[in-house]
């Protein structure tokens, strides 16, 4: 009920601001979204931060299954902040965020001080894979208003995959800036856990166990394995086709069942970004990452 009121309230406020210039309306919406993020951050038990297309939905499906199995809860609803906590207070309130709007409310753009004092999980993925996945998200799944809100190329723009990946406000440069700021701020967050998508793929049970222990909710080997199996790529594609998670919004619903690139679960391939570019483009993309990305993540040669 609160979520519905939140959405209606924001939409009403924006409708009443119809007379404002476009830039002011965008700033207002980002502020309102940031205000809601600040509320959830204040109330959560832990926050899971990731750049879009870094594997958050996969992790979310695993955690949802883990907690529902661990506490004997029915249904297909994905964990979303406090929805499962309301069913069983032993389940933590988890705030999942792409860290898009909080700074528009607090003004803290050059630090992560809003997160100081909180238990923080950063889910990171090779920015080259992220950028390619972002292109397909933009092209086939993203709403026009969301593109405008987050400074993506306009809806329907004729832009190649390579040009999108190299785009300053949508591609690699933006992703690298996001990761670099978090790299600088990691030491200032007392309870911090870095989880890499690639490590999740290589040892899913081990990484899920590590995460649930960090969250203070360790499980049995059977519970961990069940969650991992449930969130396999094959089963998630099946669940998406069947619209099992329709109650959780559009995040697990294909836009076009006949187009594999319109699915939320697309390839899930580590290093798959190389498949889309020629040798010269690969070299330029690698040069950008090598010259600008903090080596702490292990995605550069200077490790």
Protein backbone atom coordinates (compact mmCIF):
# COMPACT_ATOMS: atom_id res chain seq x y z
CA UNK A 1 0.00 0.00 0.00
CA UNK A 2 2.82 2.41 0.88
CA UNK A 3 4.58 1.76 -2.44
CA UNK A 4 1.39 2.53 -4.36
CA UNK A 5 0.91 5.76 -2.40
CA UNK A 6 4.56 6.69 -3.01
CA UNK A 7 4.21 6.28 -6.77
CA UNK A 8 0.87 8.13 -6.94
CA UNK A 9 2.19 10.95 -4.79
CA UNK A 10 5.27 11.40 -6.98
CA UNK A 11 3.20 11.31 -10.16
CA UNK A 12 0.76 13.88 -8.75
CA UNK A 13 3.59 16.20 -7.74
CA UNK A 14 5.12 15.97 -11.21
CA UNK A 15 1.76 16.64 -12.89
CA UNK A 16 1.30 19.74 -10.77
CA UNK A 17 4.75 20.88 -11.93
CA UNK A 18 3.77 20.66 -15.62
CA UNK A 19 4.62 24.35 -16.13
CA UNK A 20 8.28 23.88 -15.22
CA UNK A 21 10.98 23.66 -17.92
CA UNK A 22 11.92 20.09 -18.86
CA UNK A 23 15.26 20.23 -17.02
CA UNK A 24 13.56 21.41 -13.82
CA UNK A 25 10.97 18.63 -14.01
CA UNK A 26 13.71 16.03 -14.42
CA UNK A 27 15.60 17.50 -11.46
CA UNK A 28 12.41 17.43 -9.37
CA UNK A 29 11.71 13.79 -10.18
CA UNK A 30 15.28 12.79 -9.37
CA UNK A 31 14.98 14.67 -6.05
CA UNK A 32 11.74 12.87 -5.15
CA UNK A 33 13.21 9.50 -6.04
CA UNK A 34 16.29 10.36 -3.97
CA UNK A 35 14.11 11.25 -1.01
CA UNK A 36 12.50 7.81 -1.14
CA UNK A 37 15.93 6.18 -1.40
CA UNK A 38 17.05 8.10 1.69
CA UNK A 39 14.02 6.82 3.61
CA UNK A 40 14.78 3.20 2.72
CA UNK A 41 18.46 3.61 3.48
CA UNK A 42 17.62 4.99 6.91
CA UNK A 43 15.33 2.03 7.75
CA UNK A 44 17.14 -0.91 6.11
CA UNK A 45 19.25 -3.57 7.79
CA UNK A 46 21.61 -3.72 4.81
CA UNK A 47 21.94 -2.10 1.39
CA UNK A 48 22.92 -3.93 -1.81
CA UNK A 49 24.37 -1.49 -4.35
CA UNK A 50 25.07 -2.23 -8.00
CA UNK A 51 25.27 -0.50 -11.35
CA UNK A 52 22.42 -1.58 -13.61
CA UNK A 53 22.96 -4.91 -15.42
CA UNK A 54 25.50 -6.21 -12.91
CA UNK A 55 23.52 -9.29 -11.91
CA UNK A 56 21.25 -7.79 -9.28
CA UNK A 57 18.10 -9.61 -10.40
CA UNK A 58 19.91 -12.95 -10.35
CA UNK A 59 21.14 -12.24 -6.82
CA UNK A 60 17.71 -11.05 -5.80
CA UNK A 61 16.06 -14.26 -7.02
CA UNK A 62 18.61 -16.32 -5.07
CA UNK A 63 18.12 -14.35 -1.87
CA UNK A 64 14.33 -14.47 -2.24
CA UNK A 65 14.40 -18.24 -2.60
CA UNK A 66 16.90 -18.60 0.24
CA UNK A 67 14.82 -16.62 2.73
CA UNK A 68 11.51 -18.17 1.71
CA UNK A 69 12.98 -21.68 2.04
CA UNK A 70 14.76 -20.84 5.28
CA UNK A 71 11.58 -19.44 6.85
CA UNK A 72 8.96 -21.60 5.15
CA UNK A 73 7.25 -18.81 3.21
CA UNK A 74 5.07 -19.52 0.14
CA UNK A 75 4.74 -17.54 -3.11
CA UNK A 76 6.88 -16.22 -5.95
CA UNK A 77 7.32 -12.62 -4.82
CA UNK A 78 10.86 -11.24 -5.01
CA UNK A 79 12.36 -9.72 -1.91
CA UNK A 80 11.91 -5.95 -2.01
CA UNK A 81 13.00 -3.92 0.98
CA UNK A 82 10.68 -5.03 3.81
CA UNK A 83 8.06 -7.20 2.07
CA UNK A 84 9.47 -10.50 3.36
CA UNK A 85 10.47 -8.90 6.67
CA UNK A 86 6.80 -8.13 7.29
CA UNK A 87 6.03 -11.84 6.91
CA UNK A 88 8.88 -12.88 9.20
CA UNK A 89 10.86 -10.28 11.21
CA UNK A 90 13.92 -12.57 11.13
CA UNK A 91 14.33 -11.72 7.43
CA UNK A 92 16.36 -8.51 7.04
CA UNK A 93 15.08 -5.38 5.35
CA UNK A 94 17.27 -5.21 2.23
CA UNK A 95 17.49 -2.01 0.22
CA UNK A 96 18.48 -2.79 -3.39
CA UNK A 97 19.68 0.30 -5.22
CA UNK A 98 21.55 1.33 -8.36
CA UNK A 99 22.62 4.44 -6.41
CA UNK A 100 21.06 6.68 -9.06
CA UNK A 101 19.12 9.33 -7.15
CA UNK A 102 20.21 9.55 -3.51
CA UNK A 103 22.76 12.23 -4.29
CA UNK A 104 20.06 14.36 -5.93
CA UNK A 105 18.34 14.53 -2.54
CA UNK A 106 21.32 14.76 -0.17
CA UNK A 107 23.72 16.66 -2.43
CA UNK A 108 26.58 14.25 -1.63
CA UNK A 109 27.83 13.68 -5.16
CA UNK A 110 31.56 13.29 -4.50
CA UNK A 111 31.43 10.82 -1.62
CA UNK A 112 29.37 7.95 -0.27
CA UNK A 113 28.89 9.49 3.15
CA UNK A 114 25.17 8.72 2.98
CA UNK A 115 26.17 5.06 3.32
CA UNK A 116 28.57 5.50 6.25
CA UNK A 117 27.35 3.58 9.27
CA UNK A 118 25.36 1.13 7.14
CA UNK A 119 26.05 -2.47 6.21
CA UNK A 120 26.86 -2.26 2.48
CA UNK A 121 27.23 -4.89 -0.22
CA UNK A 122 28.63 -3.71 -3.56
CA UNK A 123 27.85 -6.05 -6.46
CA UNK A 124 30.37 -5.30 -9.22
CA UNK A 125 30.74 -6.65 -12.74
CA UNK A 126 33.26 -6.09 -15.52
CA UNK A 127 32.17 -2.69 -16.88
CA UNK A 128 32.62 -3.88 -20.47
CA UNK A 129 29.99 -6.58 -19.97
CA UNK A 130 27.80 -4.09 -18.13
CA UNK A 131 27.99 -1.54 -20.95
CA UNK A 132 26.95 -4.09 -23.58
CA UNK A 133 24.06 -5.32 -21.43
CA UNK A 134 23.04 -1.70 -20.85
CA UNK A 135 22.77 -1.22 -24.61
CA UNK A 136 20.25 -4.06 -24.94
CA UNK A 137 18.41 -2.82 -21.87
CA UNK A 138 18.21 0.66 -23.43
CA UNK A 139 17.20 -0.62 -26.85
CA UNK A 140 14.62 -3.23 -25.90
CA UNK A 141 13.43 -2.78 -22.32
CA UNK A 142 13.93 0.76 -21.00
CA UNK A 143 10.97 3.14 -20.94
CA UNK A 144 11.43 6.44 -22.84
CA UNK A 145 10.90 8.49 -19.67
CA UNK A 146 13.63 6.52 -17.87
CA UNK A 147 16.04 7.21 -20.72
CA UNK A 148 15.43 10.91 -20.37
CA UNK A 149 15.64 10.81 -16.56
CA UNK A 150 19.06 9.16 -16.58
CA UNK A 151 20.64 10.89 -19.59
CA UNK A 152 20.65 7.94 -21.96
CA UNK A 153 20.50 8.51 -25.72
CA UNK A 154 16.94 9.50 -26.71
CA UNK A 155 14.31 6.87 -27.35
CA UNK A 156 14.60 5.58 -30.92
CA UNK A 157 18.05 7.09 -31.46
CA UNK A 158 20.10 5.48 -34.23
CA UNK A 159 23.26 4.62 -32.30
CA UNK A 160 25.54 1.62 -32.77
CA UNK A 161 26.50 -0.70 -29.95
CA UNK A 162 30.10 0.52 -30.05
CA UNK A 163 29.10 4.20 -29.93
CA UNK A 164 26.73 3.45 -27.03
CA UNK A 165 29.48 1.66 -25.10
CA UNK A 166 31.81 4.65 -25.57
CA UNK A 167 29.06 7.19 -24.77
CA UNK A 168 30.07 9.54 -21.92
CA UNK A 169 26.72 9.58 -20.11
CA UNK A 170 25.51 6.05 -20.83
CA UNK A 171 28.44 3.75 -21.51
CA UNK A 172 31.83 2.81 -20.13
CA UNK A 173 32.92 6.27 -18.92
CA UNK A 174 29.87 6.57 -16.66
CA UNK A 175 30.20 3.01 -15.35
CA UNK A 176 33.90 3.48 -14.62
CA UNK A 177 33.21 6.73 -12.74
CA UNK A 178 30.60 4.90 -10.65
CA UNK A 179 33.01 2.11 -9.76
CA UNK A 180 35.92 4.46 -9.10
CA UNK A 181 33.97 6.55 -6.59
CA UNK A 182 32.96 3.42 -4.72
CA UNK A 183 36.59 2.21 -4.80
CA UNK A 184 37.72 5.44 -3.11
CA UNK A 185 34.99 5.20 -0.49
CA UNK A 186 35.26 1.49 0.41
CA UNK A 187 37.71 2.06 3.31
CA UNK A 188 35.30 4.52 4.94
CA UNK A 189 32.48 2.02 5.27
CA UNK A 190 33.09 -0.19 8.32
CA UNK A 191 30.80 -3.05 7.27
CA UNK A 192 31.47 -3.48 3.57
CA UNK A 193 31.44 -6.51 1.29
CA UNK A 194 32.53 -6.54 -2.36
CA UNK A 195 30.88 -9.28 -4.41
CA UNK A 196 31.98 -9.67 -8.02
CA UNK A 197 29.59 -11.08 -10.60
CA UNK A 198 32.40 -13.17 -12.05
CA UNK A 199 33.07 -14.78 -8.65
CA UNK A 200 29.37 -15.48 -8.26
CA UNK A 201 29.41 -17.32 -11.58
CA UNK A 202 32.58 -19.26 -10.72
CA UNK A 203 31.48 -20.33 -7.22
CA UNK A 204 27.82 -19.47 -6.72
CA UNK A 205 27.26 -21.50 -3.52
CA UNK A 206 30.43 -20.16 -1.90
CA UNK A 207 29.66 -16.53 -2.73
CA UNK A 208 26.01 -16.81 -1.66
CA UNK A 209 27.13 -18.38 1.62
CA UNK A 210 29.64 -15.54 2.10
CA UNK A 211 26.89 -12.98 1.46
CA UNK A 212 24.27 -14.51 3.75
CA UNK A 213 26.84 -14.78 6.55
CA UNK A 214 27.74 -11.11 6.08
CA UNK A 215 24.04 -10.25 6.32
CA UNK A 216 23.88 -12.15 9.60
CA UNK A 217 21.54 -14.83 8.24
CA UNK A 218 23.63 -17.95 7.52
CA UNK A 219 21.84 -20.98 6.11
CA UNK A 220 22.39 -24.68 5.70
CA UNK A 221 24.16 -26.20 2.73
CA UNK A 222 20.80 -27.52 1.52
CA UNK A 223 19.22 -24.05 1.66
CA UNK A 224 22.15 -22.51 -0.21
CA UNK A 225 22.15 -25.20 -2.89
CA UNK A 226 18.37 -24.97 -3.34
CA UNK A 227 18.60 -21.19 -3.88
CA UNK A 228 21.46 -21.60 -6.37
CA UNK A 229 19.60 -24.24 -8.37
CA UNK A 230 16.40 -22.20 -8.39
CA UNK A 231 18.24 -19.15 -9.76
CA UNK A 232 20.06 -21.01 -12.53
CA UNK A 233 20.08 -19.25 -15.90
CA UNK A 234 17.85 -21.94 -17.42
CA UNK A 235 15.28 -21.77 -14.64
CA UNK A 236 15.26 -17.97 -14.54
CA UNK A 237 14.56 -17.82 -18.28
CA UNK A 238 11.72 -20.29 -17.73
CA UNK A 239 10.37 -18.22 -14.84
CA UNK A 240 10.58 -15.08 -16.95
CA UNK A 241 8.68 -16.70 -19.81
CA UNK A 242 6.01 -17.83 -17.38
CA UNK A 243 5.87 -14.35 -15.79
CA UNK A 244 6.25 -15.91 -12.35
CA UNK A 245 7.37 -12.63 -10.81
CA UNK A 246 4.75 -10.32 -12.34
CA UNK A 247 3.84 -9.10 -8.86
CA UNK A 248 7.32 -7.59 -8.63
CA UNK A 249 6.80 -5.30 -11.63
CA UNK A 250 8.46 -5.50 -15.05
CA UNK A 251 11.95 -6.54 -13.90
CA UNK A 252 11.31 -10.22 -14.72
CA UNK A 253 8.92 -9.94 -17.67
CA UNK A 254 10.14 -10.16 -21.30
CA UNK A 255 9.19 -7.22 -23.52
CA UNK A 256 8.95 -9.46 -26.58
CA UNK A 257 8.91 -13.25 -26.14
CA UNK A 258 10.16 -13.72 -29.71
CA UNK A 259 13.25 -11.55 -29.14
CA UNK A 260 15.92 -13.05 -26.82
CA UNK A 261 17.54 -9.62 -26.43
CA UNK A 262 14.38 -8.24 -24.81
CA UNK A 263 14.57 -10.66 -21.89
CA UNK A 264 15.86 -9.59 -18.49
CA UNK A 265 17.91 -12.81 -18.39
CA UNK A 266 19.78 -12.49 -21.68
CA UNK A 267 23.17 -14.27 -21.89
CA UNK A 268 24.70 -14.15 -18.39
CA UNK A 269 28.10 -14.73 -20.00
CA UNK A 270 31.35 -13.61 -18.40
CA UNK A 271 33.46 -11.73 -20.96
CA UNK A 272 30.74 -11.97 -23.58
CA UNK A 273 31.22 -8.33 -24.54
CA UNK A 274 34.05 -9.29 -26.92
CA UNK A 275 31.60 -11.15 -29.19
CA UNK A 276 30.16 -7.85 -30.46
CA UNK A 277 33.28 -5.95 -31.59
CA UNK A 278 36.14 -6.20 -34.06
CA UNK A 279 39.78 -6.26 -32.94
CA UNK A 280 40.28 -2.51 -33.24
CA UNK A 281 37.17 -1.75 -31.18
CA UNK A 282 38.19 -4.31 -28.56
CA UNK A 283 41.59 -2.62 -28.26
CA UNK A 284 40.02 0.83 -27.79
CA UNK A 285 37.57 -0.44 -25.19
CA UNK A 286 40.36 -2.18 -23.28
CA UNK A 287 42.51 0.96 -23.44
CA UNK A 288 39.73 3.00 -21.85
CA UNK A 289 39.30 0.50 -19.03
CA UNK A 290 43.04 0.13 -18.42
CA UNK A 291 43.62 3.88 -18.30
CA UNK A 292 40.68 4.85 -16.10
CA UNK A 293 39.36 2.01 -13.93
CA UNK A 294 40.64 1.50 -10.37
CA UNK A 295 42.52 -1.84 -10.26
CA UNK A 296 40.90 -2.87 -6.97
CA UNK A 297 38.18 -4.73 -8.86
CA UNK A 298 40.58 -6.95 -10.77
CA UNK A 299 39.30 -5.97 -14.21
CA UNK A 300 42.55 -4.39 -15.38
CA UNK A 301 46.07 -5.71 -15.99
CA UNK A 302 47.46 -3.48 -13.23
CA UNK A 303 46.16 -5.68 -10.38
